Amino acid sequence: MKILISNTSESPLYQQIKDQIKDAVLKGELKEGDAMPSIRAFANDLRVSVLTIRRVYEELEKEGFVTSQVGIGTFVSAGNIELLRDTKRRLVEQKMADMIQTAKALDITRDELNAMMDILYEED
């Protein structure tokens, strides 16, 4: 799992790390039962404070994405994958609603919009 953090992002470091871990779980890069790095090792790898990683792990545990076992470690828990997928779908739906509103305002037909969407979707 590769975590990229940016000091210039408006999002705090812990949020950037947490979001990327959630995405890795959703994409299947991290599977249920996978061991997470120790807090100290992860902090050293990312060059952040151990308090930052502790916060990430605590929040992920509260949200059901990891479980911690004292003396053993922190492990991926896939309990909230459907909730995360639903949240991401709602985000996409909102962006699509904005897109449709803009298209209507610019007199772009549904067929034209669908054609644009097909082209853009296939490019990636």
PDB file of N, CA and C in Angstrom:
ATOM      1  N   MET A   1       0.844  -1.173   0.000  1.00  0.00           N
ATOM      2  CA  MET A   1       0.000   0.000   0.000  1.00  0.00           C
ATOM      3  C   MET A   1       0.892   1.240   0.000  1.00  0.00           C
ATOM      4  N   LYS A   2       0.643   2.114  -0.960  1.00  0.00           N
ATOM      5  CA  LYS A   2       1.433   3.332  -1.057  1.00  0.00           C
ATOM      6  C   LYS A   2       0.560   4.507  -0.641  1.00  0.00           C
ATOM      7  N   ILE A   3       1.037   5.278   0.313  1.00  0.00           N
ATOM      8  CA  ILE A   3       0.324   6.448   0.804  1.00  0.00           C
ATOM      9  C   ILE A   3       1.086   7.686   0.363  1.00  0.00           C
ATOM     10  N   LEU A   4       0.380   8.584  -0.300  1.00  0.00           N
ATOM     11  CA  LEU A   4       0.972   9.851  -0.724  1.00  0.00           C
ATOM     12  C   LEU A   4       0.338  10.975   0.074  1.00  0.00           C
ATOM     13  N   ILE A   5       1.170  11.760   0.747  1.00  0.00           N
ATOM     14  CA  ILE A   5       0.640  12.881   1.507  1.00  0.00           C
ATOM     15  C   ILE A   5       1.220  14.173   0.976  1.00  0.00           C
ATOM     16  N   SER A   6       0.430  15.222   1.110  1.00  0.00           N
ATOM     17  CA  SER A   6       0.837  16.519   0.600  1.00  0.00           C
ATOM     18  C   SER A   6       0.743  17.557   1.705  1.00  0.00           C
ATOM     19  N   ASN A   7       1.817  18.289   1.895  1.00  0.00           N
ATOM     20  CA  ASN A   7       1.812  19.368   2.883  1.00  0.00           C
ATOM     21  C   ASN A   7       1.060  20.588   2.377  1.00  0.00           C
ATOM     22  N   THR A   8       0.783  20.635   1.084  1.00  0.00           N
ATOM     23  CA  THR A   8       0.081  21.784   0.516  1.00  0.00           C
ATOM     24  C   THR A   8      -1.419  21.555   0.401  1.00  0.00           C
ATOM     25  N   SER A   9      -1.876  20.361   0.723  1.00  0.00           N
ATOM     26  CA  SER A   9      -3.299  20.037   0.655  1.00  0.00           C
ATOM     27  C   SER A   9      -4.057  20.769   1.761  1.00  0.00           C
ATOM     28  N   GLU A  10      -5.308  21.104   1.476  1.00  0.00           N
ATOM     29  CA  GLU A  10      -6.152  21.711   2.495  1.00  0.00           C
ATOM     30  C   GLU A  10      -6.581  20.671   3.527  1.00  0.00           C
ATOM     31  N   SER A  11      -6.519  19.423   3.154  1.00  0.00           N
ATOM     32  CA  SER A  11      -6.914  18.327   4.036  1.00  0.00           C
ATOM     33  C   SER A  11      -5.781  18.013   4.999  1.00  0.00           C
ATOM     34  N   PRO A  12      -6.089  17.825   6.305  1.00  0.00           N
ATOM     35  CA  PRO A  12      -5.027  17.497   7.264  1.00  0.00           C
ATOM     36  C   PRO A  12      -4.355  16.165   6.933  1.00  0.00           C
ATOM     37  N   LEU A  13      -3.136  15.992   7.400  1.00  0.00           N
ATOM     38  CA  LEU A  13      -2.366  14.781   7.110  1.00  0.00           C
ATOM     39  C   LEU A  13      -3.123  13.523   7.519  1.00  0.00           C
ATOM     40  N   TYR A  14      -3.687  13.510   8.732  1.00  0.00           N
ATOM     41  CA  TYR A  14      -4.369  12.299   9.187  1.00  0.00           C
ATOM     42  C   TYR A  14      -5.535  11.947   8.269  1.00  0.00           C
ATOM     43  N   GLN A  15      -6.232  12.967   7.750  1.00  0.00           N
ATOM     44  CA  GLN A  15      -7.379  12.731   6.871  1.00  0.00           C
ATOM     45  C   GLN A  15      -6.913  12.168   5.527  1.00  0.00           C
ATOM     46  N   GLN A  16      -5.807  12.701   5.009  1.00  0.00           N
ATOM     47  CA  GLN A  16      -5.267  12.188   3.751  1.00  0.00           C
ATOM     48  C   GLN A  16      -4.906  10.707   3.888  1.00  0.00           C
ATOM     49  N   ILE A  17      -4.256  10.360   4.994  1.00  0.00           N
ATOM     50  CA  ILE A  17      -3.836   8.977   5.223  1.00  0.00           C
ATOM     51  C   ILE A  17      -5.062   8.086   5.397  1.00  0.00           C
ATOM     52  N   LYS A  18      -5.991   8.529   6.215  1.00  0.00           N
ATOM     53  CA  LYS A  18      -7.200   7.744   6.486  1.00  0.00           C
ATOM     54  C   LYS A  18      -7.990   7.488   5.207  1.00  0.00           C
ATOM     55  N   ASP A  19      -8.163   8.527   4.392  1.00  0.00           N
ATOM     56  CA  ASP A  19      -8.919   8.375   3.145  1.00  0.00           C
ATOM     57  C   ASP A  19      -8.247   7.385   2.196  1.00  0.00           C
ATOM     58  N   GLN A  20      -6.934   7.419   2.126  1.00  0.00           N
ATOM     59  CA  GLN A  20      -6.216   6.502   1.233  1.00  0.00           C
ATOM     60  C   GLN A  20      -6.291   5.055   1.726  1.00  0.00           C
ATOM     61  N   ILE A  21      -6.306   4.869   3.030  1.00  0.00           N
ATOM     62  CA  ILE A  21      -6.466   3.515   3.568  1.00  0.00           C
ATOM     63  C   ILE A  21      -7.864   3.004   3.249  1.00  0.00           C
ATOM     64  N   LYS A  22      -8.877   3.857   3.428  1.00  0.00           N
ATOM     65  CA  LYS A  22     -10.253   3.458   3.098  1.00  0.00           C
ATOM     66  C   LYS A  22     -10.357   3.086   1.621  1.00  0.00           C
ATOM     67  N   ASP A  23      -9.751   3.894   0.752  1.00  0.00           N
ATOM     68  CA  ASP A  23      -9.773   3.591  -0.678  1.00  0.00           C
ATOM     69  C   ASP A  23      -9.094   2.263  -0.976  1.00  0.00           C
ATOM     70  N   ALA A  24      -7.988   1.984  -0.295  1.00  0.00           N
ATOM     71  CA  ALA A  24      -7.276   0.720  -0.504  1.00  0.00           C
ATOM     72  C   ALA A  24      -8.145  -0.467  -0.085  1.00  0.00           C
ATOM     73  N   VAL A  25      -8.928  -0.302   0.980  1.00  0.00           N
ATOM     74  CA  VAL A  25      -9.840  -1.362   1.406  1.00  0.00           C
ATOM     75  C   VAL A  25     -10.921  -1.549   0.356  1.00  0.00           C
ATOM     76  N   LEU A  26     -11.498  -0.440  -0.100  1.00  0.00           N
ATOM     77  CA  LEU A  26     -12.571  -0.497  -1.093  1.00  0.00           C
ATOM     78  C   LEU A  26     -12.104  -1.141  -2.395  1.00  0.00           C
ATOM     79  N   LYS A  27     -10.891  -0.825  -2.820  1.00  0.00           N
ATOM     80  CA  LYS A  27     -10.356  -1.363  -4.073  1.00  0.00           C
ATOM     81  C   LYS A  27      -9.829  -2.786  -3.928  1.00  0.00           C
ATOM     82  N   GLY A  28      -9.794  -3.285  -2.709  1.00  0.00           N
ATOM     83  CA  GLY A  28      -9.311  -4.643  -2.496  1.00  0.00           C
ATOM     84  C   GLY A  28      -7.805  -4.748  -2.364  1.00  0.00           C
ATOM     85  N   GLU A  29      -7.111  -3.609  -2.328  1.00  0.00           N
ATOM     86  CA  GLU A  29      -5.664  -3.630  -2.127  1.00  0.00           C
ATOM     87  C   GLU A  29      -5.339  -4.093  -0.707  1.00  0.00           C
ATOM     88  N   LEU A  30      -6.217  -3.735   0.221  1.00  0.00           N
ATOM     89  CA  LEU A  30      -6.136  -4.234   1.588  1.00  0.00           C
ATOM     90  C   LEU A  30      -7.347  -5.123   1.802  1.00  0.00           C
ATOM     91  N   LYS A  31      -7.111  -6.337   2.224  1.00  0.00           N
ATOM     92  CA  LYS A  31      -8.204  -7.292   2.408  1.00  0.00           C
ATOM     93  C   LYS A  31      -8.455  -7.542   3.883  1.00  0.00           C
ATOM     94  N   GLU A  32      -9.661  -8.005   4.163  1.00  0.00           N
ATOM     95  CA  GLU A  32     -10.025  -8.306   5.547  1.00  0.00           C
ATOM     96  C   GLU A  32      -9.010  -9.276   6.140  1.00  0.00           C
ATOM     97  N   GLY A  33      -8.524  -8.919   7.325  1.00  0.00           N
ATOM     98  CA  GLY A  33      -7.537  -9.752   8.014  1.00  0.00           C
ATOM     99  C   GLY A  33      -6.104  -9.334   7.777  1.00  0.00           C
ATOM    100  N   ASP A  34      -5.859  -8.499   6.758  1.00  0.00           N
ATOM    101  CA  ASP A  34      -4.494  -8.026   6.508  1.00  0.00           C
ATOM    102  C   ASP A  34      -3.998  -7.220   7.708  1.00  0.00           C
ATOM    103  N   ALA A  35      -2.747  -7.426   8.067  1.00  0.00           N
ATOM    104  CA  ALA A  35      -2.135  -6.681   9.167  1.00  0.00           C
ATOM    105  C   ALA A  35      -1.718  -5.299   8.679  1.00  0.00           C
ATOM    106  N   MET A  36      -2.019  -4.303   9.473  1.00  0.00           N
ATOM    107  CA  MET A  36      -1.558  -2.946   9.192  1.00  0.00           C
ATOM    108  C   MET A  36      -0.177  -2.785   9.820  1.00  0.00           C
ATOM    109  N   PRO A  37       0.612  -1.849   9.290  1.00  0.00           N
ATOM    110  CA  PRO A  37       1.928  -1.620   9.902  1.00  0.00           C
ATOM    111  C   PRO A  37       1.757  -1.120  11.343  1.00  0.00           C
ATOM    112  N   SER A  38       2.762  -1.342  12.161  1.00  0.00           N
ATOM    113  CA  SER A  38       2.709  -0.806  13.525  1.00  0.00           C
ATOM    114  C   SER A  38       2.666   0.723  13.431  1.00  0.00           C
ATOM    115  N   ILE A  39       2.151   1.332  14.473  1.00  0.00           N
ATOM    116  CA  ILE A  39       2.049   2.791  14.489  1.00  0.00           C
ATOM    117  C   ILE A  39       3.413   3.423  14.277  1.00  0.00           C
ATOM    118  N   ARG A  40       4.397   2.930  14.996  1.00  0.00           N
ATOM    119  CA  ARG A  40       5.745   3.514  14.902  1.00  0.00           C
ATOM    120  C   ARG A  40       6.349   3.318  13.514  1.00  0.00           C
ATOM    121  N   ALA A  41       6.230   2.115  12.953  1.00  0.00           N
ATOM    122  CA  ALA A  41       6.803   1.837  11.631  1.00  0.00           C
ATOM    123  C   ALA A  41       6.115   2.672  10.562  1.00  0.00           C
ATOM    124  N   PHE A  42       4.773   2.763  10.647  1.00  0.00           N
ATOM    125  CA  PHE A  42       4.013   3.539   9.665  1.00  0.00           C
ATOM    126  C   PHE A  42       4.391   5.016   9.750  1.00  0.00           C
ATOM    127  N   ALA A  43       4.496   5.537  10.969  1.00  0.00           N
ATOM    128  CA  ALA A  43       4.880   6.936  11.166  1.00  0.00           C
ATOM    129  C   ALA A  43       6.267   7.202  10.586  1.00  0.00           C
ATOM    130  N   ASN A  44       7.192   6.279  10.813  1.00  0.00           N
ATOM    131  CA  ASN A  44       8.546   6.436  10.268  1.00  0.00           C
ATOM    132  C   ASN A  44       8.532   6.398   8.744  1.00  0.00           C
ATOM    133  N   ASP A  45       7.779   5.461   8.165  1.00  0.00           N
ATOM    134  CA  ASP A  45       7.705   5.353   6.709  1.00  0.00           C
ATOM    135  C   ASP A  45       7.157   6.632   6.073  1.00  0.00           C
ATOM    136  N   LEU A  46       6.128   7.205   6.703  1.00  0.00           N
ATOM    137  CA  LEU A  46       5.479   8.396   6.144  1.00  0.00           C
ATOM    138  C   LEU A  46       6.108   9.701   6.627  1.00  0.00           C
ATOM    139  N   ARG A  47       7.020   9.576   7.576  1.00  0.00           N
ATOM    140  CA  ARG A  47       7.678  10.744   8.170  1.00  0.00           C
ATOM    141  C   ARG A  47       6.653  11.696   8.799  1.00  0.00           C
ATOM    142  N   VAL A  48       5.762  11.101   9.583  1.00  0.00           N
ATOM    143  CA  VAL A  48       4.779  11.867  10.342  1.00  0.00           C
ATOM    144  C   VAL A  48       4.868  11.444  11.795  1.00  0.00           C
ATOM    145  N   SER A  49       4.195  12.167  12.653  1.00  0.00           N
ATOM    146  CA  SER A  49       4.184  11.866  14.077  1.00  0.00           C
ATOM    147  C   SER A  49       3.440  10.560  14.357  1.00  0.00           C
ATOM    148  N   VAL A  50       3.877   9.841  15.387  1.00  0.00           N
ATOM    149  CA  VAL A  50       3.157   8.650  15.804  1.00  0.00           C
ATOM    150  C   VAL A  50       1.746   9.011  16.260  1.00  0.00           C
ATOM    151  N   LEU A  51       1.564  10.228  16.753  1.00  0.00           N
ATOM    152  CA  LEU A  51       0.229  10.677  17.167  1.00  0.00           C
ATOM    153  C   LEU A  51      -0.716  10.779  15.969  1.00  0.00           C
ATOM    154  N   THR A  52      -0.174  11.144  14.825  1.00  0.00           N
ATOM    155  CA  THR A  52      -0.979  11.226  13.599  1.00  0.00           C
ATOM    156  C   THR A  52      -1.484   9.843  13.224  1.00  0.00           C
ATOM    157  N   ILE A  53      -0.602   8.869  13.224  1.00  0.00           N
ATOM    158  CA  ILE A  53      -0.989   7.502  12.855  1.00  0.00           C
ATOM    159  C   ILE A  53      -1.921   6.911  13.903  1.00  0.00           C
ATOM    160  N   ARG A  54      -1.659   7.195  15.164  1.00  0.00           N
ATOM    161  CA  ARG A  54      -2.564   6.713  16.211  1.00  0.00           C
ATOM    162  C   ARG A  54      -3.972   7.246  15.976  1.00  0.00           C
ATOM    163  N   ARG A  55      -4.086   8.517  15.620  1.00  0.00           N
ATOM    164  CA  ARG A  55      -5.396   9.110  15.343  1.00  0.00           C
ATOM    165  C   ARG A  55      -6.054   8.432  14.143  1.00  0.00           C
ATOM    166  N   VAL A  56      -5.267   8.201  13.090  1.00  0.00           N
ATOM    167  CA  VAL A  56      -5.784   7.510  11.899  1.00  0.00           C
ATOM    168  C   VAL A  56      -6.358   6.153  12.293  1.00  0.00           C
ATOM    169  N   TYR A  57      -5.583   5.370  13.020  1.00  0.00           N
ATOM    170  CA  TYR A  57      -6.021   4.026  13.413  1.00  0.00           C
ATOM    171  C   TYR A  57      -7.243   4.081  14.323  1.00  0.00           C
ATOM    172  N   GLU A  58      -7.256   5.025  15.261  1.00  0.00           N
ATOM    173  CA  GLU A  58      -8.405   5.149  16.160  1.00  0.00           C
ATOM    174  C   GLU A  58      -9.682   5.485  15.398  1.00  0.00           C
ATOM    175  N   GLU A  59      -9.576   6.422  14.448  1.00  0.00           N
ATOM    176  CA  GLU A  59     -10.753   6.802  13.668  1.00  0.00           C
ATOM    177  C   GLU A  59     -11.195   5.672  12.746  1.00  0.00           C
ATOM    178  N   LEU A  60     -10.239   4.993  12.138  1.00  0.00           N
ATOM    179  CA  LEU A  60     -10.590   3.854  11.281  1.00  0.00           C
ATOM    180  C   LEU A  60     -11.259   2.748  12.088  1.00  0.00           C
ATOM    181  N   GLU A  61     -10.814   2.575  13.318  1.00  0.00           N
ATOM    182  CA  GLU A  61     -11.436   1.557  14.169  1.00  0.00           C
ATOM    183  C   GLU A  61     -12.861   1.961  14.545  1.00  0.00           C
ATOM    184  N   LYS A  62     -13.065   3.226  14.881  1.00  0.00           N
ATOM    185  CA  LYS A  62     -14.410   3.720  15.203  1.00  0.00           C
ATOM    186  C   LYS A  62     -15.358   3.542  14.023  1.00  0.00           C
ATOM    187  N   GLU A  63     -14.824   3.708  12.816  1.00  0.00           N
ATOM    188  CA  GLU A  63     -15.635   3.603  11.601  1.00  0.00           C
ATOM    189  C   GLU A  63     -15.762   2.152  11.118  1.00  0.00           C
ATOM    190  N   GLY A  64     -15.071   1.230  11.771  1.00  0.00           N
ATOM    191  CA  GLY A  64     -15.205  -0.186  11.441  1.00  0.00           C
ATOM    192  C   GLY A  64     -14.303  -0.693  10.332  1.00  0.00           C
ATOM    193  N   PHE A  65     -13.277   0.057   9.976  1.00  0.00           N
ATOM    194  CA  PHE A  65     -12.387  -0.369   8.898  1.00  0.00           C
ATOM    195  C   PHE A  65     -11.201  -1.191   9.389  1.00  0.00           C
ATOM    196  N   VAL A  66     -10.834  -1.041  10.652  1.00  0.00           N
ATOM    197  CA  VAL A  66      -9.764  -1.844  11.235  1.00  0.00           C
ATOM    198  C   VAL A  66     -10.177  -2.269  12.639  1.00  0.00           C
ATOM    199  N   THR A  67      -9.522  -3.304  13.123  1.00  0.00           N
ATOM    200  CA  THR A  67      -9.678  -3.720  14.513  1.00  0.00           C
ATOM    201  C   THR A  67      -8.290  -3.810  15.122  1.00  0.00           C
ATOM    202  N   SER A  68      -8.180  -3.379  16.357  1.00  0.00           N
ATOM    203  CA  SER A  68      -6.895  -3.430  17.059  1.00  0.00           C
ATOM    204  C   SER A  68      -6.966  -4.465  18.159  1.00  0.00           C
ATOM    205  N   GLN A  69      -5.904  -5.231  18.271  1.00  0.00           N
ATOM    206  CA  GLN A  69      -5.797  -6.221  19.329  1.00  0.00           C
ATOM    207  C   GLN A  69      -4.530  -5.915  20.107  1.00  0.00           C
ATOM    208  N   VAL A  70      -4.699  -5.583  21.372  1.00  0.00           N
ATOM    209  CA  VAL A  70      -3.578  -5.185  22.212  1.00  0.00           C
ATOM    210  C   VAL A  70      -2.494  -6.259  22.186  1.00  0.00           C
ATOM    211  N   GLY A  71      -1.278  -5.824  21.922  1.00  0.00           N
ATOM    212  CA  GLY A  71      -0.140  -6.729  21.905  1.00  0.00           C
ATOM    213  C   GLY A  71       0.008  -7.541  20.633  1.00  0.00           C
ATOM    214  N   ILE A  72      -1.002  -7.482  19.756  1.00  0.00           N
ATOM    215  CA  ILE A  72      -0.939  -8.271  18.519  1.00  0.00           C
ATOM    216  C   ILE A  72      -0.808  -7.362  17.301  1.00  0.00           C
ATOM    217  N   GLY A  73      -1.655  -6.340  17.211  1.00  0.00           N
ATOM    218  CA  GLY A  73      -1.570  -5.409  16.095  1.00  0.00           C
ATOM    219  C   GLY A  73      -2.930  -4.919  15.637  1.00  0.00           C
ATOM    220  N   THR A  74      -2.908  -4.248  14.500  1.00  0.00           N
ATOM    221  CA  THR A  74      -4.117  -3.681  13.893  1.00  0.00           C
ATOM    222  C   THR A  74      -4.351  -4.393  12.574  1.00  0.00           C
ATOM    223  N   PHE A  75      -5.606  -4.788  12.335  1.00  0.00           N
ATOM    224  CA  PHE A  75      -5.952  -5.586  11.172  1.00  0.00           C
ATOM    225  C   PHE A  75      -7.133  -4.986  10.422  1.00  0.00           C
ATOM    226  N   VAL A  76      -7.143  -5.179   9.120  1.00  0.00           N
ATOM    227  CA  VAL A  76      -8.216  -4.669   8.277  1.00  0.00           C
ATOM    228  C   VAL A  76      -9.496  -5.439   8.579  1.00  0.00           C
ATOM    229  N   SER A  77     -10.575  -4.675   8.701  1.00  0.00           N
ATOM    230  CA  SER A  77     -11.895  -5.249   8.896  1.00  0.00           C
ATOM    231  C   SER A  77     -12.779  -4.691   7.797  1.00  0.00           C
ATOM    232  N   ALA A  78     -13.399  -5.547   7.025  1.00  0.00           N
ATOM    233  CA  ALA A  78     -14.165  -5.104   5.858  1.00  0.00           C
ATOM    234  C   ALA A  78     -15.618  -4.787   6.194  1.00  0.00           C
ATOM    235  N   GLY A  79     -15.925  -4.586   7.458  1.00  0.00           N
ATOM    236  CA  GLY A  79     -17.297  -4.375   7.883  1.00  0.00           C
ATOM    237  C   GLY A  79     -18.006  -3.187   7.268  1.00  0.00           C
ATOM    238  N   ASN A  80     -17.307  -2.135   6.929  1.00  0.00           N
ATOM    239  CA  ASN A  80     -17.958  -0.921   6.448  1.00  0.00           C
ATOM    240  C   ASN A  80     -17.791  -0.682   4.948  1.00  0.00           C
ATOM    241  N   ILE A  81     -17.446  -1.687   4.195  1.00  0.00           N
ATOM    242  CA  ILE A  81     -17.212  -1.495   2.762  1.00  0.00           C
ATOM    243  C   ILE A  81     -18.472  -1.023   2.047  1.00  0.00           C
ATOM    244  N   GLU A  82     -19.613  -1.617   2.347  1.00  0.00           N
ATOM    245  CA  GLU A  82     -20.854  -1.210   1.670  1.00  0.00           C
ATOM    246  C   GLU A  82     -21.228   0.219   2.013  1.00  0.00           C
ATOM    247  N   LEU A  83     -21.023   0.629   3.257  1.00  0.00           N
ATOM    248  CA  LEU A  83     -21.303   2.002   3.649  1.00  0.00           C
ATOM    249  C   LEU A  83     -20.397   2.963   2.890  1.00  0.00           C
ATOM    250  N   LEU A  84     -19.126   2.619   2.761  1.00  0.00           N
ATOM    251  CA  LEU A  84     -18.184   3.461   2.023  1.00  0.00           C
ATOM    252  C   LEU A  84     -18.570   3.531   0.556  1.00  0.00           C
ATOM    253  N   ARG A  85     -18.928   2.400  -0.041  1.00  0.00           N
ATOM    254  CA  ARG A  85     -19.346   2.393  -1.449  1.00  0.00           C
ATOM    255  C   ARG A  85     -20.566   3.276  -1.645  1.00  0.00           C
ATOM    256  N   ASP A  86     -21.526   3.183  -0.735  1.00  0.00           N
ATOM    257  CA  ASP A  86     -22.743   3.988  -0.832  1.00  0.00           C
ATOM    258  C   ASP A  86     -22.416   5.476  -0.725  1.00  0.00           C
ATOM    259  N   THR A  87     -21.516   5.826   0.167  1.00  0.00           N
ATOM    260  CA  THR A  87     -21.105   7.220   0.321  1.00  0.00           C
ATOM    261  C   THR A  87     -20.464   7.725  -0.962  1.00  0.00           C
ATOM    262  N   LYS A  88     -19.623   6.906  -1.564  1.00  0.00           N
ATOM    263  CA  LYS A  88     -18.967   7.309  -2.813  1.00  0.00           C
ATOM    264  C   LYS A  88     -19.973   7.414  -3.953  1.00  0.00           C
ATOM    265  N   ARG A  89     -20.950   6.512  -3.978  1.00  0.00           N
ATOM    266  CA  ARG A  89     -22.003   6.597  -5.006  1.00  0.00           C
ATOM    267  C   ARG A  89     -22.772   7.900  -4.873  1.00  0.00           C
ATOM    268  N   ARG A  90     -23.104   8.272  -3.643  1.00  0.00           N
ATOM    269  CA  ARG A  90     -23.843   9.525  -3.428  1.00  0.00           C
ATOM    270  C   ARG A  90     -23.027  10.726  -3.888  1.00  0.00           C
ATOM    271  N   LEU A  91     -21.729  10.693  -3.660  1.00  0.00           N
ATOM    272  CA  LEU A  91     -20.860  11.779  -4.117  1.00  0.00           C
ATOM    273  C   LEU A  91     -20.896  11.878  -5.640  1.00  0.00           C
ATOM    274  N   VAL A  92     -20.796  10.730  -6.311  1.00  0.00           N
ATOM    275  CA  VAL A  92     -20.844  10.712  -7.780  1.00  0.00           C
ATOM    276  C   VAL A  92     -22.214  11.178  -8.269  1.00  0.00           C
ATOM    277  N   GLU A  93     -23.282  10.727  -7.600  1.00  0.00           N
ATOM    278  CA  GLU A  93     -24.630  11.151  -7.993  1.00  0.00           C
ATOM    279  C   GLU A  93     -24.783  12.665  -7.902  1.00  0.00           C
ATOM    280  N   GLN A  94     -24.225  13.267  -6.857  1.00  0.00           N
ATOM    281  CA  GLN A  94     -24.307  14.719  -6.707  1.00  0.00           C
ATOM    282  C   GLN A  94     -23.549  15.420  -7.828  1.00  0.00           C
ATOM    283  N   LYS A  95     -22.371  14.913  -8.145  1.00  0.00           N
ATOM    284  CA  LYS A  95     -21.596  15.510  -9.234  1.00  0.00           C
ATOM    285  C   LYS A  95     -22.323  15.342 -10.568  1.00  0.00           C
ATOM    286  N   MET A  96     -22.979  14.190 -10.747  1.00  0.00           N
ATOM    287  CA  MET A  96     -23.738  13.964 -11.976  1.00  0.00           C
ATOM    288  C   MET A  96     -24.944  14.906 -12.044  1.00  0.00           C
ATOM    289  N   ALA A  97     -25.603  15.146 -10.909  1.00  0.00           N
ATOM    290  CA  ALA A  97     -26.737  16.067 -10.882  1.00  0.00           C
ATOM    291  C   ALA A  97     -26.284  17.472 -11.272  1.00  0.00           C
ATOM    292  N   ASP A  98     -25.120  17.883 -10.766  1.00  0.00           N
ATOM    293  CA  ASP A  98     -24.564  19.188 -11.140  1.00  0.00           C
ATOM    294  C   ASP A  98     -24.250  19.233 -12.633  1.00  0.00           C
ATOM    295  N   MET A  99     -23.688  18.143 -13.152  1.00  0.00           N
ATOM    296  CA  MET A  99     -23.342  18.051 -14.565  1.00  0.00           C
ATOM    297  C   MET A  99     -24.601  18.152 -15.430  1.00  0.00           C
ATOM    298  N   ILE A 100     -25.646  17.445 -15.031  1.00  0.00           N
ATOM    299  CA  ILE A 100     -26.897  17.458 -15.791  1.00  0.00           C
ATOM    300  C   ILE A 100     -27.508  18.852 -15.782  1.00  0.00           C
ATOM    301  N   GLN A 101     -27.468  19.501 -14.630  1.00  0.00           N
ATOM    302  CA  GLN A 101     -28.004  20.865 -14.535  1.00  0.00           C
ATOM    303  C   GLN A 101     -27.233  21.804 -15.460  1.00  0.00           C
ATOM    304  N   THR A 102     -25.916  21.688 -15.491  1.00  0.00           N
ATOM    305  CA  THR A 102     -25.091  22.518 -16.376  1.00  0.00           C
ATOM    306  C   THR A 102     -25.386  22.204 -17.836  1.00  0.00           C
ATOM    307  N   ALA A 103     -25.497  20.930 -18.165  1.00  0.00           N
ATOM    308  CA  ALA A 103     -25.791  20.527 -19.544  1.00  0.00           C
ATOM    309  C   ALA A 103     -27.135  21.091 -20.001  1.00  0.00           C
ATOM    310  N   LYS A 104     -28.143  21.012 -19.154  1.00  0.00           N
ATOM    311  CA  LYS A 104     -29.463  21.555 -19.501  1.00  0.00           C
ATOM    312  C   LYS A 104     -29.396  23.058 -19.715  1.00  0.00           C
ATOM    313  N   ALA A 105     -28.637  23.729 -18.862  1.00  0.00           N
ATOM    314  CA  ALA A 105     -28.501  25.189 -18.986  1.00  0.00           C
ATOM    315  C   ALA A 105     -27.808  25.572 -20.290  1.00  0.00           C
ATOM    316  N   LEU A 106     -26.962  24.672 -20.808  1.00  0.00           N
ATOM    317  CA  LEU A 106     -26.226  24.935 -22.047  1.00  0.00           C
ATOM    318  C   LEU A 106     -26.882  24.282 -23.259  1.00  0.00           C
ATOM    319  N   ASP A 107     -28.116  23.789 -23.093  1.00  0.00           N
ATOM    320  CA  ASP A 107     -28.880  23.141 -24.159  1.00  0.00           C
ATOM    321  C   ASP A 107     -28.152  21.944 -24.773  1.00  0.00           C
ATOM    322  N   ILE A 108     -27.484  21.185 -23.947  1.00  0.00           N
ATOM    323  CA  ILE A 108     -26.847  19.947 -24.397  1.00  0.00           C
ATOM    324  C   ILE A 108     -27.845  18.823 -24.177  1.00  0.00           C
ATOM    325  N   THR A 109     -28.103  18.057 -25.221  1.00  0.00           N
ATOM    326  CA  THR A 109     -29.106  16.997 -25.125  1.00  0.00           C
ATOM    327  C   THR A 109     -28.583  15.821 -24.295  1.00  0.00           C
ATOM    328  N   ARG A 110     -29.513  14.999 -23.895  1.00  0.00           N
ATOM    329  CA  ARG A 110     -29.168  13.807 -23.130  1.00  0.00           C
ATOM    330  C   ARG A 110     -28.256  12.885 -23.943  1.00  0.00           C
ATOM    331  N   ASP A 111     -28.571  12.729 -25.236  1.00  0.00           N
ATOM    332  CA  ASP A 111     -27.735  11.878 -26.092  1.00  0.00           C
ATOM    333  C   ASP A 111     -26.311  12.423 -26.195  1.00  0.00           C
ATOM    334  N   GLU A 112     -26.189  13.743 -26.355  1.00  0.00           N
ATOM    335  CA  GLU A 112     -24.853  14.354 -26.416  1.00  0.00           C
ATOM    336  C   GLU A 112     -24.108  14.151 -25.101  1.00  0.00           C
ATOM    337  N   LEU A 113     -24.831  14.334 -24.013  1.00  0.00           N
ATOM    338  CA  LEU A 113     -24.229  14.169 -22.688  1.00  0.00           C
ATOM    339  C   LEU A 113     -23.770  12.723 -22.479  1.00  0.00           C
ATOM    340  N   ASN A 114     -24.616  11.780 -22.876  1.00  0.00           N
ATOM    341  CA  ASN A 114     -24.241  10.363 -22.760  1.00  0.00           C
ATOM    342  C   ASN A 114     -23.031  10.044 -23.630  1.00  0.00           C
ATOM    343  N   ALA A 115     -22.985  10.609 -24.826  1.00  0.00           N
ATOM    344  CA  ALA A 115     -21.841  10.377 -25.719  1.00  0.00           C
ATOM    345  C   ALA A 115     -20.558  10.931 -25.095  1.00  0.00           C
ATOM    346  N   MET A 116     -20.645  12.125 -24.519  1.00  0.00           N
ATOM    347  CA  MET A 116     -19.481  12.715 -23.850  1.00  0.00           C
ATOM    348  C   MET A 116     -19.033  11.843 -22.681  1.00  0.00           C
ATOM    349  N   MET A 117     -20.003  11.371 -21.909  1.00  0.00           N
ATOM    350  CA  MET A 117     -19.692  10.543 -20.758  1.00  0.00           C
ATOM    351  C   MET A 117     -19.023   9.246 -21.192  1.00  0.00           C
ATOM    352  N   ASP A 118     -19.537   8.617 -22.249  1.00  0.00           N
ATOM    353  CA  ASP A 118     -18.940   7.378 -22.759  1.00  0.00           C
ATOM    354  C   ASP A 118     -17.491   7.598 -23.169  1.00  0.00           C
ATOM    355  N   ILE A 119     -17.242   8.695 -23.889  1.00  0.00           N
ATOM    356  CA  ILE A 119     -15.880   8.990 -24.345  1.00  0.00           C
ATOM    357  C   ILE A 119     -14.949   9.223 -23.157  1.00  0.00           C
ATOM    358  N   LEU A 120     -15.383  10.049 -22.216  1.00  0.00           N
ATOM    359  CA  LEU A 120     -14.547  10.354 -21.061  1.00  0.00           C
ATOM    360  C   LEU A 120     -14.314   9.134 -20.184  1.00  0.00           C
ATOM    361  N   TYR A 121     -15.316   8.288 -20.036  1.00  0.00           N
ATOM    362  CA  TYR A 121     -15.194   7.100 -19.211  1.00  0.00           C
ATOM    363  C   TYR A 121     -14.201   6.104 -19.827  1.00  0.00           C
ATOM    364  N   GLU A 122     -14.229   5.991 -21.149  1.00  0.00           N
ATOM    365  CA  GLU A 122     -13.334   5.061 -21.826  1.00  0.00           C
ATOM    366  C   GLU A 122     -11.894   5.546 -21.865  1.00  0.00           C
ATOM    367  N   GLU A 123     -11.682   6.859 -21.789  1.00  0.00           N
ATOM    368  CA  GLU A 123     -10.324   7.402 -21.831  1.00  0.00           C
ATOM    369  C   GLU A 123      -9.489   6.958 -20.656  1.00  0.00           C
ATOM    370  N   ASP A 124     -10.110   6.781 -19.539  1.00  0.00           N
ATOM    371  CA  ASP A 124      -9.376   6.437 -18.321  1.00  0.00           C
ATOM    372  C   ASP A 124      -9.133   4.975 -18.263  1.00  0.00           C
TER     373      ASP A 124
END
